[in-house]
């Protein structure tokens, strides 16, 4: 049983999932039980998406190597253009979606560790591929949040990386011998059946920072596990960006590339965006009918998560039925998890019999 299903158990009637810590200008509407949930009847009664789309109703992905300065650029650019900034998704992004007060144990977040990856990338327990697959799923979930926010409010979103660029890490891991060929095949199969359901970013901004400079920055990091990242791994990420991702994405999205010093001039970057014509890519082919189906997909997080599951055995990401059963009931035994939100006496929910 694929371990990635452990947390994707949103029961029908679960409470609204809402990302609180990433909202800058407006809320992200991601609920399965909103009182005014968008659906077929909303569309039939005249709800349309295109009237709310403006000049900067766009998805912008800022990409680059580790510690390249993409995060600072993304946040400043969002402020400048009046867009929503969403920091890079991490292992615990699902906890943010479900509004956990504290991050849940790793057993309920992919059973993988970023720190372990950097200290022991060839760990025999398959941590590296579990991490890679889990991060792809988290980026896909975040991207669905971004599209839902765009279509629901008309406000554009600036992301740090996207599921479309996630494969650069897979390539780097494989080149360094951190994962097996079978893992690459499994990842590509998952990616091919899921990424096709989403439109690529309108614009990709690539921050070009040489791997040697990236390594210097990481050595100065306060996180000890980042101070010994191999230079060859960082070079592999850079090569994958330049030789695979960027040539492919420029066919579907606008592309701007800057070096690490140029991105400090946010005014210039914003001006360059203003002059883009956005005359290519699948977004041009969309209308209110396709936007309707897109909204129906991205607001259904269970449906999005199912896109990443296939019935295939792979030791790195498969757990036995007994282990799964144990983890499932351990999760349900956590405070407020036994029943749908709002129906759990153990966390102080009241008047349950009236709901």
Protein backbone atom coordinates (compact mmCIF):
# COMPACT_ATOMS: atom_id res chain seq x y z
CA UNK A 1 0.00 0.00 0.00
CA UNK A 2 1.50 3.31 -1.04
CA UNK A 3 2.44 5.30 2.02
CA UNK A 4 1.33 8.59 0.46
CA UNK A 5 -2.30 7.72 1.14
CA UNK A 6 -1.81 7.75 4.92
CA UNK A 7 -2.80 11.42 5.35
CA UNK A 8 -5.03 11.83 2.29
CA UNK A 9 -8.08 10.61 4.14
CA UNK A 10 -10.27 13.71 3.99
CA UNK A 11 -13.69 12.30 4.95
CA UNK A 12 -16.79 13.61 3.27
CA UNK A 13 -18.04 16.50 5.35
CA UNK A 14 -14.63 17.38 6.75
CA UNK A 15 -14.03 20.95 7.83
CA UNK A 16 -12.70 23.60 5.53
CA UNK A 17 -9.05 23.28 4.70
CA UNK A 18 -7.42 26.66 4.56
CA UNK A 19 -3.80 27.70 4.31
CA UNK A 20 -3.37 30.35 6.95
CA UNK A 21 0.37 30.94 7.04
CA UNK A 22 0.85 31.60 3.33
CA UNK A 23 -1.86 34.17 2.79
CA UNK A 24 -0.66 37.67 2.05
CA UNK A 25 -3.42 39.58 0.29
CA UNK A 26 -6.43 37.29 0.48
CA UNK A 27 -7.53 33.92 1.74
CA UNK A 28 -7.10 30.67 -0.16
CA UNK A 29 -10.47 29.07 -0.68
CA UNK A 30 -9.93 25.35 -0.30
CA UNK A 31 -12.92 23.79 1.35
CA UNK A 32 -14.97 20.66 0.86
CA UNK A 33 -17.89 21.95 2.90
CA UNK A 34 -18.12 25.70 2.33
CA UNK A 35 -21.60 27.10 2.84
CA UNK A 36 -21.37 28.55 -0.67
CA UNK A 37 -19.19 25.91 -2.29
CA UNK A 38 -18.57 26.34 -5.98
CA UNK A 39 -20.13 23.59 -8.06
CA UNK A 40 -22.29 22.77 -11.04
CA UNK A 41 -25.26 24.77 -9.74
CA UNK A 42 -23.10 27.86 -9.24
CA UNK A 43 -22.01 27.62 -12.86
CA UNK A 44 -25.58 26.95 -14.05
CA UNK A 45 -26.79 30.02 -12.18
CA UNK A 46 -24.26 32.28 -13.86
CA UNK A 47 -21.02 32.12 -11.87
CA UNK A 48 -18.18 32.83 -14.32
CA UNK A 49 -14.42 33.12 -13.94
CA UNK A 50 -13.25 35.25 -16.87
CA UNK A 51 -14.82 38.55 -15.70
CA UNK A 52 -12.57 38.61 -12.61
CA UNK A 53 -9.31 37.96 -14.46
CA UNK A 54 -7.12 41.07 -14.79
CA UNK A 55 -3.62 41.94 -16.01
CA UNK A 56 -1.81 40.14 -13.20
CA UNK A 57 -4.22 37.25 -12.80
CA UNK A 58 -1.31 34.93 -13.41
CA UNK A 59 0.59 32.04 -11.86
CA UNK A 60 4.28 32.94 -11.58
CA UNK A 61 6.85 30.37 -10.50
CA UNK A 62 10.25 31.57 -9.30
CA UNK A 63 12.80 28.80 -9.76
CA UNK A 64 16.45 28.26 -9.05
CA UNK A 65 18.96 26.19 -7.12
CA UNK A 66 19.08 26.00 -3.33
CA UNK A 67 19.84 29.33 -1.64
CA UNK A 68 19.73 31.22 -4.94
CA UNK A 69 17.62 34.12 -3.64
CA UNK A 70 14.40 33.01 -5.30
CA UNK A 71 12.38 33.30 -2.09
CA UNK A 72 13.24 36.95 -1.50
CA UNK A 73 12.50 37.77 -5.13
CA UNK A 74 9.15 35.95 -5.06
CA UNK A 75 7.97 37.78 -1.94
CA UNK A 76 9.05 41.22 -3.12
CA UNK A 77 7.57 40.62 -6.55
CA UNK A 78 4.23 39.61 -5.06
CA UNK A 79 4.19 42.79 -2.98
CA UNK A 80 5.07 44.88 -6.01
CA UNK A 81 2.40 43.40 -8.30
CA UNK A 82 -0.34 42.96 -5.67
CA UNK A 83 -0.25 39.18 -5.95
CA UNK A 84 -0.44 36.40 -3.36
CA UNK A 85 2.92 35.03 -2.24
CA UNK A 86 3.10 31.33 -1.37
CA UNK A 87 6.42 30.16 0.12
CA UNK A 88 7.90 26.93 -1.12
CA UNK A 89 5.93 23.91 0.04
CA UNK A 90 7.71 21.79 2.63
CA UNK A 91 7.19 18.35 4.12
CA UNK A 92 4.54 19.73 6.47
CA UNK A 93 2.44 21.56 3.90
CA UNK A 94 -0.46 19.20 4.55
CA UNK A 95 -0.47 20.31 8.20
CA UNK A 96 -0.91 23.89 7.02
CA UNK A 97 -3.81 22.85 4.82
CA UNK A 98 -5.56 21.17 7.73
CA UNK A 99 -4.66 24.04 10.11
CA UNK A 100 -2.76 21.96 12.63
CA UNK A 101 -1.60 23.99 15.64
CA UNK A 102 1.67 22.07 15.61
CA UNK A 103 3.30 19.96 12.94
CA UNK A 104 2.32 16.31 13.19
CA UNK A 105 4.96 13.55 13.44
CA UNK A 106 6.77 12.46 10.27
CA UNK A 107 4.77 9.22 10.33
CA UNK A 108 1.83 11.32 9.10
CA UNK A 109 3.90 13.48 6.77
CA UNK A 110 5.41 11.16 4.23
CA UNK A 111 7.59 9.16 6.65
CA UNK A 112 10.57 11.05 5.27
CA UNK A 113 13.15 13.51 6.57
CA UNK A 114 14.88 16.37 4.76
CA UNK A 115 17.64 16.45 7.33
CA UNK A 116 18.26 12.72 6.91
CA UNK A 117 18.43 13.16 3.14
CA UNK A 118 21.26 15.69 3.39
CA UNK A 119 23.18 13.75 6.04
CA UNK A 120 22.62 10.27 4.57
CA UNK A 121 21.32 10.56 0.98
CA UNK A 122 21.95 6.87 0.27
CA UNK A 123 20.06 5.62 3.33
CA UNK A 124 19.07 1.98 2.89
CA UNK A 125 15.50 2.59 4.07
CA UNK A 126 14.63 4.53 0.89
CA UNK A 127 14.24 7.90 2.61
CA UNK A 128 15.54 9.81 -0.43
CA UNK A 129 12.84 8.64 -2.81
CA UNK A 130 10.10 8.88 -0.20
CA UNK A 131 11.14 12.49 0.29
CA UNK A 132 11.18 13.20 -3.43
CA UNK A 133 7.77 11.68 -4.07
CA UNK A 134 6.22 13.32 -1.01
CA UNK A 135 7.56 16.72 -2.04
CA UNK A 136 6.08 16.29 -5.51
CA UNK A 137 2.70 15.56 -3.94
CA UNK A 138 3.00 18.59 -1.65
CA UNK A 139 3.91 20.83 -4.58
CA UNK A 140 0.96 19.47 -6.53
CA UNK A 141 -1.37 20.21 -3.62
CA UNK A 142 0.03 23.71 -3.26
CA UNK A 143 -0.30 24.30 -6.99
CA UNK A 144 -3.95 23.27 -6.81
CA UNK A 145 -4.37 25.83 -4.01
CA UNK A 146 -2.73 28.48 -6.19
CA UNK A 147 -4.98 27.80 -9.17
CA UNK A 148 -8.06 27.69 -6.95
CA UNK A 149 -7.13 31.05 -5.46
CA UNK A 150 -6.55 32.54 -8.91
CA UNK A 151 -9.84 31.32 -10.36
CA UNK A 152 -11.87 32.12 -7.25
CA UNK A 153 -10.56 35.63 -6.52
CA UNK A 154 -8.82 36.75 -9.72
CA UNK A 155 -5.67 37.53 -7.73
CA UNK A 156 -2.46 36.15 -9.19
CA UNK A 157 -0.06 33.96 -7.23
CA UNK A 158 3.74 33.93 -6.99
CA UNK A 159 5.18 30.53 -6.05
CA UNK A 160 8.63 29.25 -5.20
CA UNK A 161 8.98 26.33 -7.58
CA UNK A 162 6.10 24.24 -8.86
CA UNK A 163 5.36 20.57 -9.59
CA UNK A 164 6.50 21.26 -13.15
CA UNK A 165 10.09 21.91 -12.01
CA UNK A 166 10.15 19.31 -9.24
CA UNK A 167 11.79 16.79 -11.57
CA UNK A 168 15.16 18.60 -11.40
CA UNK A 169 15.68 17.08 -7.96
CA UNK A 170 14.77 13.62 -9.17
CA UNK A 171 17.33 13.92 -11.97
CA UNK A 172 20.00 15.11 -9.56
CA UNK A 173 19.26 12.30 -7.08
CA UNK A 174 19.51 9.67 -9.79
CA UNK A 175 22.73 11.07 -11.24
CA UNK A 176 24.32 10.99 -7.79
CA UNK A 177 23.16 7.44 -7.15
CA UNK A 178 20.78 8.35 -4.33
CA UNK A 179 17.80 6.53 -5.87
CA UNK A 180 17.28 3.52 -8.13
CA UNK A 181 16.19 3.47 -11.76
CA UNK A 182 12.91 1.86 -10.68
CA UNK A 183 12.20 4.95 -8.55
CA UNK A 184 12.70 7.21 -11.56
CA UNK A 185 10.30 5.08 -13.59
CA UNK A 186 7.72 5.16 -10.81
CA UNK A 187 8.05 8.95 -10.39
CA UNK A 188 7.69 9.56 -14.12
CA UNK A 189 4.59 7.39 -14.25
CA UNK A 190 3.03 9.29 -11.33
CA UNK A 191 4.02 12.63 -12.83
CA UNK A 192 2.68 11.81 -16.28
CA UNK A 193 -0.80 10.93 -15.03
CA UNK A 194 -1.07 13.89 -12.66
CA UNK A 195 0.71 16.92 -14.13
CA UNK A 196 -1.35 16.70 -17.32
CA UNK A 197 -4.43 17.75 -15.33
CA UNK A 198 -2.92 21.16 -14.57
CA UNK A 199 -1.90 24.11 -16.70
CA UNK A 200 1.74 25.25 -16.38
CA UNK A 201 2.63 28.62 -14.83
CA UNK A 202 2.01 31.65 -17.01
CA UNK A 203 5.56 32.75 -16.27
CA UNK A 204 8.68 31.06 -14.95
CA UNK A 205 11.46 33.24 -13.54
CA UNK A 206 14.78 31.44 -13.26
CA UNK A 207 17.43 32.73 -10.86
CA UNK A 208 20.83 31.59 -12.12
CA UNK A 209 23.27 31.08 -9.28
CA UNK A 210 26.42 28.98 -9.96
CA UNK A 211 26.58 25.80 -7.92
CA UNK A 212 29.85 26.91 -6.32
CA UNK A 213 28.21 30.07 -4.97
CA UNK A 214 25.22 28.06 -3.77
CA UNK A 215 27.50 25.75 -1.82
CA UNK A 216 29.24 28.74 -0.18
CA UNK A 217 25.88 30.08 0.97
CA UNK A 218 24.82 26.71 2.33
CA UNK A 219 28.05 26.42 4.32
CA UNK A 220 27.13 29.70 6.00
CA UNK A 221 23.65 28.45 6.80
CA UNK A 222 22.52 28.08 10.38
CA UNK A 223 21.26 24.59 9.55
CA UNK A 224 24.09 22.14 10.11
CA UNK A 225 22.69 19.52 7.73
CA UNK A 226 22.94 21.99 4.82
CA UNK A 227 26.60 22.78 5.34
CA UNK A 228 27.94 19.66 3.65
CA UNK A 229 25.73 19.36 0.57
CA UNK A 230 27.95 17.86 -2.18
CA UNK A 231 28.91 20.24 -4.98
CA UNK A 232 28.15 17.58 -7.59
CA UNK A 233 24.56 17.33 -6.36
CA UNK A 234 24.13 21.10 -6.67
CA UNK A 235 25.68 21.02 -10.14
CA UNK A 236 23.30 18.26 -11.17
CA UNK A 237 20.33 20.41 -10.12
CA UNK A 238 21.73 23.33 -12.11
CA UNK A 239 22.33 21.15 -15.17
CA UNK A 240 18.84 19.67 -15.02
CA UNK A 241 17.32 23.13 -14.85
CA UNK A 242 19.29 24.41 -17.83
CA UNK A 243 19.29 21.31 -20.04
CA UNK A 244 15.86 19.81 -19.34
CA UNK A 245 13.37 22.00 -17.50
CA UNK A 246 13.98 25.43 -19.02
CA UNK A 247 14.03 24.26 -22.68
CA UNK A 248 10.76 22.39 -22.11
CA UNK A 249 8.89 25.03 -20.11
CA UNK A 250 9.71 27.87 -22.53
CA UNK A 251 7.50 26.13 -25.09
CA UNK A 252 4.42 26.53 -22.85
CA UNK A 253 5.22 29.45 -20.54
CA UNK A 254 6.92 32.82 -20.65
CA UNK A 255 10.46 32.62 -19.32
CA UNK A 256 12.70 35.25 -17.75
CA UNK A 257 16.20 34.44 -16.51
CA UNK A 258 18.40 36.55 -14.26
CA UNK A 259 21.62 36.11 -12.37
CA UNK A 260 21.72 36.49 -8.61
CA UNK A 261 22.67 40.18 -8.73
CA UNK A 262 20.00 41.16 -11.27
CA UNK A 263 17.13 39.77 -9.18
CA UNK A 264 17.91 42.28 -6.46
CA UNK A 265 16.43 44.94 -8.71
CA UNK A 266 12.76 44.01 -8.27
CA UNK A 267 11.66 47.15 -10.07
CA UNK A 268 13.41 45.97 -13.23
CA UNK A 269 11.98 42.48 -12.97
CA UNK A 270 8.47 43.92 -12.55
CA UNK A 271 9.02 46.14 -15.57
CA UNK A 272 10.17 43.17 -17.65
CA UNK A 273 6.99 41.31 -16.67
CA UNK A 274 4.87 44.29 -17.67
CA UNK A 275 6.26 44.12 -21.20
CA UNK A 276 5.53 40.41 -21.64
CA UNK A 277 2.69 39.65 -24.05
CA UNK A 278 1.75 36.20 -22.67
CA UNK A 279 0.85 35.06 -26.18
CA UNK A 280 1.72 31.40 -25.81
CA UNK A 281 0.69 28.48 -23.71
CA UNK A 282 -2.52 26.55 -22.93
CA UNK A 283 -3.96 29.36 -20.77
CA UNK A 284 -4.88 31.20 -23.99
CA UNK A 285 -7.19 28.36 -24.98
CA UNK A 286 -9.26 28.47 -21.78
CA UNK A 287 -12.82 29.73 -21.48
CA UNK A 288 -15.47 29.72 -18.77
CA UNK A 289 -16.34 26.09 -19.48
CA UNK A 290 -12.77 24.85 -19.02
CA UNK A 291 -12.30 27.13 -16.00
CA UNK A 292 -15.41 25.56 -14.49
CA UNK A 293 -13.97 22.05 -14.80
CA UNK A 294 -10.61 23.29 -13.52
CA UNK A 295 -12.22 24.79 -10.42
CA UNK A 296 -14.14 21.59 -9.78
CA UNK A 297 -10.84 19.67 -9.82
CA UNK A 298 -8.64 21.94 -7.71
CA UNK A 299 -11.19 22.47 -4.92
CA UNK A 300 -11.47 18.69 -4.46
CA UNK A 301 -8.22 17.87 -2.66
CA UNK A 302 -9.10 14.21 -2.38
CA UNK A 303 -9.41 14.04 -6.15
CA UNK A 304 -6.09 15.84 -6.58
CA UNK A 305 -4.31 13.48 -4.21
CA UNK A 306 -5.73 10.39 -5.95
CA UNK A 307 -3.91 11.51 -9.12
CA UNK A 308 -0.64 10.56 -7.44
CA UNK A 309 -1.53 6.97 -6.52
CA UNK A 310 -1.00 3.89 -8.66
CA UNK A 311 -1.22 0.24 -7.55
CA UNK A 312 2.46 -0.54 -7.91
CA UNK A 313 4.86 -2.11 -5.44
CA UNK A 314 8.02 -0.19 -4.70
CA UNK A 315 9.90 -0.96 -1.46
CA UNK A 316 10.83 2.68 -0.83
CA UNK A 317 7.24 3.91 -0.61
CA UNK A 318 5.14 0.83 0.13
CA UNK A 319 4.08 -0.24 3.61
CA UNK A 320 2.36 -3.44 4.65
CA UNK A 321 -1.30 -3.68 5.52
CA UNK A 322 -0.60 -4.14 9.24
CA UNK A 323 1.73 -1.13 9.35
CA UNK A 324 -0.80 0.95 7.46
CA UNK A 325 -3.56 -0.12 9.84
CA UNK A 326 -1.40 0.79 12.82
CA UNK A 327 -0.58 4.24 11.45
CA UNK A 328 -4.17 4.91 10.43
CA UNK A 329 -5.53 4.25 13.92
CA UNK A 330 -2.61 6.13 15.48
CA UNK A 331 -3.63 9.14 13.39
CA UNK A 332 -7.30 8.75 14.30
CA UNK A 333 -6.35 8.61 17.98
CA UNK A 334 -4.80 12.10 17.85
CA UNK A 335 -6.85 14.88 19.48
CA UNK A 336 -9.64 16.02 17.19
CA UNK A 337 -9.03 13.34 14.54
CA UNK A 338 -11.53 10.64 15.47
CA UNK A 339 -14.45 12.36 13.78
CA UNK A 340 -14.92 15.20 11.32
CA UNK A 341 -13.80 18.61 12.64
CA UNK A 342 -16.43 20.12 14.88
CA UNK A 343 -17.60 16.73 16.18
CA UNK A 344 -14.83 15.86 18.64
CA UNK A 345 -15.52 16.32 22.34
CA UNK A 346 -11.87 15.69 23.20
CA UNK A 347 -10.86 19.06 21.73
CA UNK A 348 -13.75 20.99 23.19
CA UNK A 349 -16.33 20.80 20.41
CA UNK A 350 -19.79 21.56 21.82
CA UNK A 351 -23.42 21.10 20.84
CA UNK A 352 -22.43 18.16 18.66
CA UNK A 353 -25.93 16.69 18.86
CA UNK A 354 -27.33 19.84 17.22
CA UNK A 355 -25.04 19.70 14.20
